Each structure stands twice: as structure tokens, then as C-alpha cells.
Amino acid sequence: MLLSFRVANHRSIRTDQELSLVATEFNDGSGRETEARLDGKPVSVLPAIGVFGANASGKSNALAALRFMRRAVLESFADWGKHPDTVPREPFALDPEAREETSFFEVDLLLGPRDHKTRYTYGFEVSDECVVAEWLHAYPSGRRQIWFDRETGRPEDEGGEFKFPGSGLRGRKDEIKELTRPNALFLTVGATLNHPQLAAVHRWFLNNLWLVTSQHDVPARTEWTREQLTAKTASAHFRERLIRLLATADLGITGLTTDPDTGEVQLLHRTPTGEAQALDFWREESLGTHAWFAFLGPLLNILERGGTLLADELDSSLHPRLAAEVIRLFQDPDANPRIAQLIFTTHDATLLGPSVAERPLDRDQVWITVKKNTGQSDLYPLVAAKVRKDDNLERRYLHGHYGGVPRVGAGEFARKLALLEGEGKATA
């Protein structure tokens, strides 16, 4: 599971920003206990956090940064090798100096069996040409072991200088180092060569991190979900859970059928006579039904694996009631026993709730993004604003007490256009 993510110099994120999923003293019960300890204290992890903010404030870029890190870990050995002196990064574009500085990415993870999880810190810095730094630290007994530190990575260094202090990282380190290009990650190369310790961290990026966007990838997610239903190895448990969530969403759906020859899926709907009627999925189902069906595949997969689901603009594809229930699904220990995690971005202030009883999120599960006058995004937790437990978070957020809302006055659009029309008549 994910404890925290840090990023700097990626898209609108200029300076070092951190997104934490560790429960704080402001948590009112959603935090889930783990076996890990930080600074000698037991760690409780959050199963869900929401990132709120105005349009173009950097919400999506925070998730895009984690997606870039995933792609780097999965693709740097093979795909980046097609352009050996290039790293396909996206530094902050509004300051020319940012192009000369590195982009930074780091995750803090808890991996392993439920009763024996180990904490890992993995990160790297990249320039336009190469990997400048890379590190992996493990805490198998609560104390840090430096498995490797890659301190430099200039092209002329042939991949950089590596240090392997201690005996934490075992196996073919020198062979992996020799195969690591200046623009490839040591972790990627090691996992490609089936190094067991490196593969375990690599596997989290491969299997347990999934980004879904509002409408852009609905067809691909729909197809993936359909394949999970129709494949020869299809799970009856997956099918039953999918049908149950489809039926519970008040879409009029009672079940589904799959064609064994074509693999096509048809959803069954209630009729006035009480019989079930199948509808053509692509021609007769609504866009909202498509969105919910496409969302359920990744959601159920992440719940099963205990991974992390990144949902960009959760409110764009789901009704606020459905979005709130998705959050509550991740919060529920019985429905989410593996502590799968949901990180979502949204504009929907109703998810903050007018009261403690009505909101699905605790105070430390809410994060805010703001865009500064320089064009760079800042990310901070709501609790930095010293909120009280009984505050009406929805109203105070919309009134701008916490930041993260557009600085637009009531009626300002109309006044601007009216003023423009008046200026046009005056010059006519």
C-alpha cells in the first residue's frame, strides 16, 4: 500500500510537493492499522483521499506524476532504449530554468503479507538526457537498509555511480549495473532480470497502481471489464460482485448475459411486467451506464489485489451519490479487507458533507490544490487550515476559507461581457 508520494518539477508542479496517506491525529476512524512504525509510532493508513481544487489548479497533474513514475519503472529499460540519450519527462514549462533542473519522484510503500509488511522508499531524479539519481531503501525490521544509491547519472558516467552498502540487497548487482543505461532505471533492469527483491517493488507499479480518467479511457476499461467476464479463466466471484454493484446503483439493471461465441455483454433490465429484458450494450445503454460498468472493472480488481486506484475527476463520470458510495466502499473494513486505496480528484463539494455524519471523508482525507500567480501548483492537506471536527466543510470550502476555489465573483462573467459590449458601442 502507498504511504506517501513526492514529486517536483513535473508539469505545473514546480517545487517539492507531498501527498500523504498516513492517518493523523485529525482522523476520526477511517485510518486502518498496520504493522509498520514511523519514528517509533504505529502507522495507520488511509484507504481513501480526495484532492479538491479549481480548474487547472494541478489536481490532475498530481495523479499524472504518479502515472509518469509508473511508466518510467515499467518502460525505461525497453522503450526508453529506443532513444538512448533521452528521458521523456515534462518539467515545469513556465520557467526556462526548470528545464535545466531535475524532475523528482518518490514513493513510500508498505509491501508484503498482511501480518509482515515491509516499508520501502523508492525514488529517482531525471534530466532530459538521463537518470541523475535513484535509490531504494528498505526497513525490514524498522531500521533503514540502503539497498542501493545511484548518486550520479551523467551520460559520460555510463549509467552512474552505484553504492550497495551493507548486505540488504543480494544477488547479481554487478550484472544489473552493467546493463543499466544512463537513461534506464536500475529497478527496471533488475526486475527484467527477475531479481526477486527488486521484482517485488516493481510488481507494485505493475499490478497495484491503476489510473482511470473521466471519459477518455472508458472504451478501453469497458473492454477490459468485458474480457474479465468472458475469458476462459473468468472468475465467478468477479462476475457476482460486478452484477451486485450494477444492480445496487439504481440503474434498473438486474443482471447480465455474455455470448459464449462473440463475447458480447448484455445487461438485463427490469420491465413493467417484472421480466428481464436484455439491451444492446453499445446502442441502447446510457453513457452513465457505460461509465459505471467501465469503472467497476478496475475498482473490483484493485479491491481484490489491495492496490491503489487513481480516479481523475471522479465526479465527471459518477453521480455524487455513487461517488460517495465508492468512497464508503473503500472505507469499509469488511468490503475492503486488503486495505485497497482510492486517490481521486474532484470538484464535487458535496463529498465534503454539511456535517460529520453526512460526509464520507475524514478531515485528514481531504487535500487542496491551488495555482499560484507564477503558474505553479501547491498541494496541501485541509488540516493545515486548522479545521474543527464539527465545521461545515462543504460551505466553508465553497466560501474560499481553505483555498482551492476559482477567484471569480458572482456575476463577474456577465459584467465582463456587458462591459465589452459597451466599449464596442462606444467606438462604433
Protein backbone atom coordinates (compact mmCIF):
# COMPACT_ATOMS: atom_id res chain seq x y z
CA MET A 1 0.00 0.00 0.00
CA LEU A 2 1.00 3.59 -0.56
CA LEU A 3 2.10 5.71 2.40
CA SER A 4 3.14 8.84 0.51
CA PHE A 5 4.17 10.23 -2.85
CA ARG A 6 6.51 13.16 -3.53
CA VAL A 7 7.10 14.98 -6.81
CA ALA A 8 8.87 18.11 -8.05
CA ASN A 9 9.26 19.74 -11.46
CA HIS A 10 6.56 17.85 -13.31
CA ARG A 11 4.02 19.80 -15.39
CA SER A 12 2.53 22.52 -13.16
CA ILE A 13 4.20 21.12 -10.03
CA ARG A 14 7.39 23.17 -9.71
CA THR A 15 8.58 22.70 -6.12
CA ASP A 16 8.62 19.56 -3.96
CA GLN A 17 5.03 18.52 -3.11
CA GLU A 18 3.94 15.56 -0.99
CA LEU A 19 0.67 13.63 -0.89
CA SER A 20 0.39 11.54 2.30
CA LEU A 21 -1.94 8.64 3.06
CA VAL A 22 -0.85 8.27 6.67
CA ALA A 23 -3.63 8.97 9.16
CA THR A 24 -3.10 11.91 11.51
CA GLU A 25 -4.45 12.95 14.89
CA PHE A 26 -7.35 14.56 12.99
CA ASN A 27 -8.60 11.17 11.79
CA ASP A 28 -11.99 10.17 13.15
CA GLY A 29 -11.93 6.45 12.45
CA SER A 30 -11.20 5.82 8.77
CA GLY A 31 -7.50 5.04 9.33
CA ARG A 32 -6.56 1.35 9.14
CA GLU A 33 -3.88 -0.03 11.43
CA THR A 34 -0.72 -1.59 10.00
CA GLU A 35 2.26 -3.41 11.46
CA ALA A 36 4.64 -0.64 10.40
CA ARG A 37 6.09 2.12 12.56
CA LEU A 38 7.33 5.58 11.60
CA ASP A 39 9.58 7.45 14.01
CA GLY A 40 8.77 4.79 16.60
CA LYS A 41 5.00 5.29 16.34
CA PRO A 42 2.47 2.82 14.85
CA VAL A 43 1.21 3.73 11.39
CA SER A 44 -2.43 3.86 10.35
CA VAL A 45 -3.03 4.22 6.63
CA LEU A 46 -5.91 5.99 4.88
CA PRO A 47 -7.97 3.90 2.44
CA ALA A 48 -9.10 6.98 0.51
CA ILE A 49 -8.13 10.61 -0.03
CA GLY A 50 -9.71 13.27 -2.22
CA VAL A 51 -7.91 16.16 -3.93
CA PHE A 52 -10.09 19.25 -4.39
CA GLY A 53 -9.27 22.41 -6.30
CA ALA A 54 -10.20 24.85 -9.02
CA ASN A 55 -9.92 24.09 -12.72
CA ALA A 56 -6.29 23.97 -13.89
CA SER A 57 -5.02 24.10 -10.29
CA GLY A 58 -2.93 20.93 -10.66
CA LYS A 59 -5.20 18.17 -9.33
CA SER A 60 -4.82 16.00 -12.42
CA ASN A 61 -1.09 16.72 -12.62
CA ALA A 62 -0.59 15.21 -9.16
CA LEU A 63 -2.04 11.93 -10.42
CA ALA A 64 -0.25 12.27 -13.77
CA ALA A 65 3.04 12.49 -11.89
CA LEU A 66 2.39 9.14 -10.23
CA ARG A 67 1.42 7.72 -13.62
CA PHE A 68 4.71 9.01 -15.10
CA MET A 69 6.61 7.31 -12.31
CA ARG A 70 4.80 4.05 -13.04
CA ARG A 71 5.55 4.28 -16.75
CA ALA A 72 9.20 5.03 -16.04
CA VAL A 73 9.51 1.96 -13.82
CA LEU A 74 7.79 -0.26 -16.40
CA GLU A 75 9.25 1.16 -19.63
CA SER A 76 12.68 2.69 -19.03
CA PHE A 77 14.63 -0.46 -19.94
CA ALA A 78 12.90 -1.30 -23.24
CA ASP A 79 11.02 1.76 -24.54
CA TRP A 80 13.46 4.46 -23.42
CA GLY A 81 16.23 2.44 -25.06
CA LYS A 82 14.84 3.43 -28.48
CA HIS A 83 16.16 6.94 -27.75
CA PRO A 84 19.21 6.26 -25.56
CA ASP A 85 20.07 9.88 -24.74
CA THR A 86 16.53 10.98 -23.88
CA VAL A 87 14.14 10.83 -20.92
CA PRO A 88 10.52 11.69 -21.91
CA ARG A 89 9.81 13.89 -18.91
CA GLU A 90 7.60 17.01 -18.66
CA PRO A 91 9.27 19.67 -16.50
CA PHE A 92 7.54 22.90 -15.44
CA ALA A 93 7.06 24.84 -18.68
CA LEU A 94 6.59 28.42 -17.43
CA ASP A 95 10.14 28.88 -16.12
CA PRO A 96 13.06 28.25 -18.54
CA GLU A 97 15.30 27.36 -15.60
CA ALA A 98 13.11 24.34 -14.81
CA ARG A 99 14.32 22.62 -17.99
CA GLU A 100 17.85 22.70 -16.56
CA GLU A 101 16.75 21.18 -13.23
CA THR A 102 15.89 17.56 -12.49
CA SER A 103 12.40 16.14 -12.02
CA PHE A 104 11.97 14.25 -8.75
CA PHE A 105 9.66 11.31 -7.90
CA GLU A 106 9.48 9.19 -4.73
CA VAL A 107 7.04 6.72 -3.17
CA ASP A 108 6.88 5.31 0.35
CA LEU A 109 5.33 1.82 0.31
CA LEU A 110 4.24 -1.00 2.61
CA LEU A 111 4.54 -4.36 0.83
CA GLY A 112 4.25 -7.99 1.81
CA PRO A 113 1.86 -10.27 3.73
CA ARG A 114 -0.74 -8.63 5.94
CA ASP A 115 1.00 -9.62 9.18
CA HIS A 116 4.55 -8.96 7.98
CA LYS A 117 4.68 -5.88 5.77
CA THR A 118 7.95 -4.15 4.99
CA ARG A 119 8.34 -0.46 4.30
CA TYR A 120 10.24 0.65 1.18
CA THR A 121 11.24 4.09 -0.05
CA TYR A 122 11.98 4.22 -3.77
CA GLY A 123 12.66 7.26 -5.93
CA PHE A 124 14.64 8.82 -8.75
CA GLU A 125 15.60 12.11 -10.34
CA VAL A 126 15.81 12.55 -14.11
CA SER A 127 17.01 15.20 -16.53
CA ASP A 128 16.20 15.44 -20.24
CA GLU A 129 19.09 13.05 -21.01
CA CYS A 130 19.46 10.55 -18.17
CA VAL A 131 18.72 9.27 -14.69
CA VAL A 132 20.62 11.60 -12.38
CA ALA A 133 19.86 9.74 -9.14
CA GLU A 134 17.99 6.64 -7.98
CA TRP A 135 17.58 4.96 -4.61
CA LEU A 136 15.81 2.10 -2.84
CA HIS A 137 15.76 1.86 0.94
CA ALA A 138 14.05 -0.93 2.91
CA TYR A 139 13.01 -1.16 6.57
CA PRO A 140 12.62 -4.91 7.20
CA SER A 141 12.99 -4.57 10.98
CA GLY A 142 12.02 -0.92 11.32
CA ARG A 143 15.58 0.32 10.70
CA ARG A 144 16.69 1.60 7.32
CA GLN A 145 18.75 -0.57 4.98
CA ILE A 146 20.17 1.18 1.91
CA TRP A 147 19.71 -1.40 -0.83
CA PHE A 148 21.22 0.86 -3.46
CA ASP A 149 22.04 4.50 -4.09
CA ARG A 150 22.79 5.75 -7.58
CA GLU A 151 24.46 9.04 -6.90
CA THR A 152 25.25 10.41 -10.35
CA GLY A 153 23.98 9.69 -13.80
CA ARG A 154 25.65 11.86 -16.39
CA PRO A 155 25.82 10.21 -19.83
CA GLU A 156 29.62 10.03 -19.66
CA ASP A 157 29.34 8.05 -16.39
CA GLU A 158 27.92 5.05 -18.27
CA GLY A 159 24.86 4.75 -16.06
CA GLY A 160 26.12 6.45 -12.94
CA GLU A 161 27.96 5.54 -9.76
CA PHE A 162 26.26 2.86 -7.66
CA LYS A 163 26.65 2.10 -3.99
CA PHE A 164 25.43 -1.07 -2.26
CA PRO A 165 26.24 -0.56 1.41
CA GLY A 166 25.54 -3.47 3.71
CA SER A 167 24.08 -6.84 2.73
CA GLY A 168 20.42 -5.87 2.30
CA LEU A 169 20.32 -6.25 -1.48
CA ARG A 170 21.56 -9.64 -2.53
CA GLY A 171 22.11 -11.32 -5.90
CA ARG A 172 23.51 -10.17 -9.25
CA LYS A 173 24.03 -6.47 -8.54
CA ASP A 174 27.09 -6.02 -10.79
CA GLU A 175 25.41 -7.69 -13.75
CA ILE A 176 22.34 -5.46 -13.40
CA LYS A 177 24.56 -2.39 -13.09
CA GLU A 178 26.40 -3.25 -16.30
CA LEU A 179 23.11 -3.49 -18.21
CA THR A 180 21.68 -0.23 -16.85
CA ARG A 181 21.90 2.54 -19.44
CA PRO A 182 22.22 6.19 -18.37
CA ASN A 183 18.53 6.73 -19.22
CA ALA A 184 17.24 3.47 -17.68
CA LEU A 185 16.25 2.75 -14.10
CA PHE A 186 18.22 0.16 -12.14
CA LEU A 187 14.94 -1.10 -10.63
CA THR A 188 13.52 -1.76 -14.11
CA VAL A 189 16.59 -3.63 -15.28
CA GLY A 190 16.73 -5.71 -12.11
CA ALA A 191 13.08 -6.70 -12.38
CA THR A 192 13.56 -7.56 -16.06
CA LEU A 193 16.30 -9.97 -14.97
CA ASN A 194 13.96 -11.44 -12.34
CA HIS A 195 15.88 -10.20 -9.33
CA PRO A 196 13.46 -11.28 -6.55
CA GLN A 197 13.90 -8.32 -4.22
CA LEU A 198 13.71 -5.69 -6.95
CA ALA A 199 10.85 -7.51 -8.68
CA ALA A 200 8.72 -7.22 -5.54
CA VAL A 201 8.85 -3.41 -5.65
CA HIS A 202 8.50 -3.38 -9.43
CA ARG A 203 5.40 -5.58 -9.13
CA TRP A 204 3.58 -2.92 -7.11
CA PHE A 205 3.89 -0.48 -10.01
CA LEU A 206 2.86 -3.18 -12.48
CA ASN A 207 -0.16 -4.70 -10.75
CA ASN A 208 -1.29 -2.46 -7.93
CA LEU A 209 -1.45 1.04 -9.40
CA TRP A 210 -4.21 1.93 -11.88
CA LEU A 211 -5.18 5.38 -13.18
CA VAL A 212 -8.67 5.90 -14.59
CA THR A 213 -9.71 9.17 -16.22
CA SER A 214 -13.22 10.55 -16.61
CA GLN A 215 -14.37 9.76 -20.15
CA HIS A 216 -11.13 9.35 -22.13
CA ASP A 217 -10.40 5.71 -21.36
CA VAL A 218 -13.98 4.41 -20.90
CA PRO A 219 -13.88 2.22 -24.06
CA ALA A 220 -10.60 0.59 -23.01
CA ARG A 221 -11.83 -0.04 -19.47
CA THR A 222 -15.13 -1.35 -20.80
CA GLU A 223 -13.27 -3.83 -22.99
CA TRP A 224 -11.03 -4.88 -20.10
CA THR A 225 -14.06 -5.47 -17.86
CA ARG A 226 -15.80 -7.43 -20.61
CA GLU A 227 -12.74 -9.65 -21.01
CA GLN A 228 -12.77 -10.40 -17.28
CA LEU A 229 -16.33 -11.67 -17.71
CA THR A 230 -15.84 -13.72 -20.86
CA ALA A 231 -12.31 -15.14 -20.67
CA LYS A 232 -11.89 -18.89 -20.21
CA THR A 233 -10.38 -18.16 -16.81
CA ALA A 234 -13.20 -15.76 -15.85
CA SER A 235 -13.87 -15.63 -12.13
CA ALA A 236 -17.41 -16.36 -10.94
CA HIS A 237 -16.62 -14.24 -7.87
CA PHE A 238 -15.74 -11.24 -10.07
CA ARG A 239 -18.95 -11.71 -12.07
CA GLU A 240 -21.14 -11.93 -8.98
CA ARG A 241 -19.61 -8.81 -7.41
CA LEU A 242 -19.94 -6.87 -10.67
CA ILE A 243 -23.62 -7.79 -11.05
CA ARG A 244 -24.31 -6.86 -7.44
CA LEU A 245 -22.78 -3.40 -7.80
CA LEU A 246 -24.52 -2.82 -11.15
CA ALA A 247 -27.87 -3.71 -9.58
CA THR A 248 -27.28 -1.61 -6.46
CA ALA A 249 -26.57 1.59 -8.42
CA ASP A 250 -30.31 2.12 -9.21
CA LEU A 251 -29.82 1.88 -12.97
CA GLY A 252 -32.65 -0.61 -13.39
CA ILE A 253 -30.16 -3.43 -14.02
CA THR A 254 -30.92 -6.89 -12.63
CA GLY A 255 -28.14 -8.96 -14.20
CA LEU A 256 -26.15 -9.60 -17.34
CA THR A 257 -25.57 -12.20 -20.03
CA THR A 258 -22.47 -12.97 -22.07
CA ASP A 259 -22.45 -14.52 -25.54
CA PRO A 260 -20.07 -17.52 -25.46
CA ASP A 261 -19.32 -17.16 -29.18
CA THR A 262 -18.87 -13.40 -29.62
CA GLY A 263 -18.02 -12.39 -26.05
CA GLU A 264 -20.61 -9.61 -26.20
CA VAL A 265 -22.15 -8.46 -22.92
CA GLN A 266 -25.79 -7.52 -22.50
CA LEU A 267 -27.22 -6.01 -19.33
CA LEU A 268 -30.62 -7.17 -18.13
CA HIS A 269 -33.21 -4.54 -17.14
CA ARG A 270 -36.46 -4.67 -15.22
CA THR A 271 -39.63 -4.38 -17.30
CA PRO A 272 -43.14 -3.32 -16.15
CA THR A 273 -44.18 -7.00 -16.23
CA GLY A 274 -41.33 -7.97 -13.94
CA GLU A 275 -39.44 -9.84 -16.65
CA ALA A 276 -35.81 -9.14 -17.53
CA GLN A 277 -35.09 -7.51 -20.89
CA ALA A 278 -31.58 -7.52 -22.43
CA LEU A 279 -30.42 -4.30 -24.13
CA ASP A 280 -27.68 -3.86 -26.69
CA PHE A 281 -24.76 -2.52 -24.67
CA TRP A 282 -23.39 -0.04 -27.23
CA ARG A 283 -26.61 1.17 -28.90
CA GLU A 284 -29.15 1.18 -26.09
CA GLU A 285 -27.33 1.70 -22.79
CA SER A 286 -26.76 5.24 -21.50
CA LEU A 287 -23.36 6.92 -21.23
CA GLY A 288 -23.79 6.85 -17.45
CA THR A 289 -24.24 3.07 -17.52
CA HIS A 290 -21.15 2.76 -19.73
CA ALA A 291 -19.15 4.86 -17.25
CA TRP A 292 -20.26 2.82 -14.23
CA PHE A 293 -19.62 -0.53 -15.95
CA ALA A 294 -16.16 0.63 -17.08
CA PHE A 295 -15.34 1.92 -13.59
CA LEU A 296 -16.35 -1.30 -11.82
CA GLY A 297 -13.75 -3.47 -13.55
CA PRO A 298 -10.69 -1.59 -12.24
CA LEU A 299 -12.40 -0.97 -8.89
CA LEU A 300 -13.04 -4.68 -8.24
CA ASN A 301 -9.56 -5.57 -9.47
CA ILE A 302 -7.92 -3.13 -7.06
CA LEU A 303 -10.08 -4.29 -4.15
CA GLU A 304 -9.06 -7.88 -4.88
CA ARG A 305 -5.34 -7.08 -5.07
CA GLY A 306 -5.20 -4.47 -2.31
CA GLY A 307 -3.70 -1.92 -4.69
CA THR A 308 -4.19 1.79 -5.34
CA LEU A 309 -6.82 3.20 -7.72
CA LEU A 310 -6.24 6.72 -9.06
CA ALA A 311 -9.52 8.25 -10.24
CA ASP A 312 -9.17 11.57 -12.04
CA GLU A 313 -12.34 13.70 -11.91
CA LEU A 314 -14.42 11.12 -10.08
CA ASP A 315 -17.45 13.42 -10.26
CA SER A 316 -17.32 13.67 -14.08
CA SER A 317 -18.36 10.06 -14.62
CA LEU A 318 -20.32 9.30 -11.45
CA HIS A 319 -23.32 10.91 -9.77
CA PRO A 320 -22.38 12.42 -6.37
CA ARG A 321 -24.34 9.68 -4.59
CA LEU A 322 -22.41 6.96 -6.44
CA ALA A 323 -19.10 8.74 -5.87
CA ALA A 324 -19.82 8.94 -2.12
CA GLU A 325 -20.68 5.24 -2.03
CA VAL A 326 -17.46 4.35 -3.85
CA ILE A 327 -15.54 6.20 -1.13
CA ARG A 328 -17.52 4.41 1.60
CA LEU A 329 -16.77 1.09 -0.11
CA PHE A 330 -13.04 1.71 0.30
CA GLN A 331 -13.57 2.91 3.89
CA ASP A 332 -15.46 -0.25 4.92
CA PRO A 333 -13.14 -2.87 6.54
CA ASP A 334 -15.43 -5.76 5.58
CA ALA A 335 -15.82 -4.73 1.94
CA ASN A 336 -12.14 -3.75 1.68
CA PRO A 337 -10.22 -6.22 3.88
CA ARG A 338 -6.94 -5.87 1.94
CA ILE A 339 -6.86 -2.08 2.51
CA ALA A 340 -7.02 -1.14 -1.16
CA GLN A 341 -6.70 2.62 -1.60
CA LEU A 342 -8.53 5.25 -3.62
CA ILE A 343 -6.94 8.58 -4.59
CA PHE A 344 -9.36 10.77 -6.51
CA THR A 345 -9.65 14.32 -7.79
CA THR A 346 -12.96 16.14 -7.83
CA HIS A 347 -14.82 19.46 -7.93
CA ASP A 348 -17.77 17.99 -6.03
CA ALA A 349 -18.00 19.86 -2.73
CA THR A 350 -20.97 17.70 -1.62
CA LEU A 351 -18.40 14.98 -0.86
CA LEU A 352 -17.23 17.22 1.99
CA GLY A 353 -20.72 16.98 3.50
CA PRO A 354 -22.56 19.60 5.55
CA SER A 355 -21.98 17.57 8.73
CA VAL A 356 -19.67 14.92 10.16
CA ALA A 357 -22.36 12.24 9.80
CA GLU A 358 -23.03 13.02 6.13
CA ARG A 359 -19.52 13.33 4.72
CA PRO A 360 -17.71 10.19 3.57
CA LEU A 361 -14.25 11.65 4.27
CA ASP A 362 -12.41 12.48 7.48
CA ARG A 363 -10.65 15.84 7.70
CA ASP A 364 -7.21 14.38 7.02
CA GLN A 365 -8.51 12.66 3.88
CA VAL A 366 -9.04 15.99 2.10
CA TRP A 367 -6.30 17.71 0.11
CA ILE A 368 -6.35 21.03 -1.75
CA THR A 369 -4.52 22.25 -4.87
CA VAL A 370 -4.05 25.92 -5.70
CA LYS A 371 -2.42 27.61 -8.68
CA LYS A 372 -0.11 30.49 -7.72
CA ASN A 373 0.38 33.63 -9.80
CA THR A 374 3.60 32.09 -11.14
CA GLY A 375 1.59 29.22 -12.63
CA GLN A 376 2.93 26.58 -10.26
CA SER A 377 0.71 24.27 -8.22
CA ASP A 378 0.81 23.86 -4.46
CA LEU A 379 -0.70 20.82 -2.73
CA TYR A 380 -1.59 20.85 0.96
CA PRO A 381 -3.86 18.97 3.41
CA LEU A 382 -7.09 20.51 4.58
CA VAL A 383 -5.96 20.09 8.19
CA ALA A 384 -3.28 22.71 7.53
CA ALA A 385 -6.17 25.19 7.76
CA LYS A 386 -6.83 24.06 11.37
CA VAL A 387 -10.36 22.84 10.71
CA ARG A 388 -12.57 21.75 13.60
CA LYS A 389 -14.34 18.41 13.62
CA ASP A 390 -17.83 19.95 13.51
CA ASP A 391 -17.05 22.54 10.78
CA ASN A 392 -19.32 22.58 7.75
CA LEU A 393 -16.51 21.71 5.33
CA GLU A 394 -18.67 21.97 2.23
CA ARG A 395 -19.85 25.51 2.93
CA ARG A 396 -16.51 26.77 4.16
CA TYR A 397 -14.71 25.28 1.15
CA LEU A 398 -17.14 26.89 -1.31
CA HIS A 399 -16.74 30.22 0.50
CA GLY A 400 -12.99 30.03 -0.04
CA HIS A 401 -11.85 29.51 3.55
CA TYR A 402 -9.48 26.72 2.56
CA GLY A 403 -8.44 27.91 -0.90
CA GLY A 404 -8.80 25.75 -3.98
CA VAL A 405 -11.81 27.56 -5.49
CA PRO A 406 -11.85 29.88 -8.54
CA ARG A 407 -11.28 33.56 -7.69
CA VAL A 408 -14.36 34.65 -9.61
CA GLY A 409 -17.02 36.96 -8.16
CA ALA A 410 -20.75 36.36 -8.54
CA GLY A 411 -21.90 37.76 -11.89
CA GLU A 412 -18.35 38.60 -12.99
CA PHE A 413 -18.63 36.83 -16.35
CA ALA A 414 -21.77 38.77 -17.24
CA ARG A 415 -20.22 42.09 -16.15
CA LYS A 416 -17.11 41.49 -18.24
CA LEU A 417 -19.13 40.74 -21.38
CA ALA A 418 -21.51 43.64 -20.75
CA LEU A 419 -18.53 45.97 -20.35
CA LEU A 420 -17.05 44.66 -23.60
CA GLU A 421 -20.35 45.25 -25.41
CA GLY A 422 -20.49 48.77 -24.01
CA GLU A 423 -16.95 49.51 -25.19
CA GLY A 424 -17.86 48.22 -28.65
CA LYS A 425 -20.84 50.53 -28.93
CA ALA A 426 -18.80 53.50 -27.75
CA THR A 427 -16.24 53.00 -30.52
CA ALA A 428 -18.82 52.26 -33.22
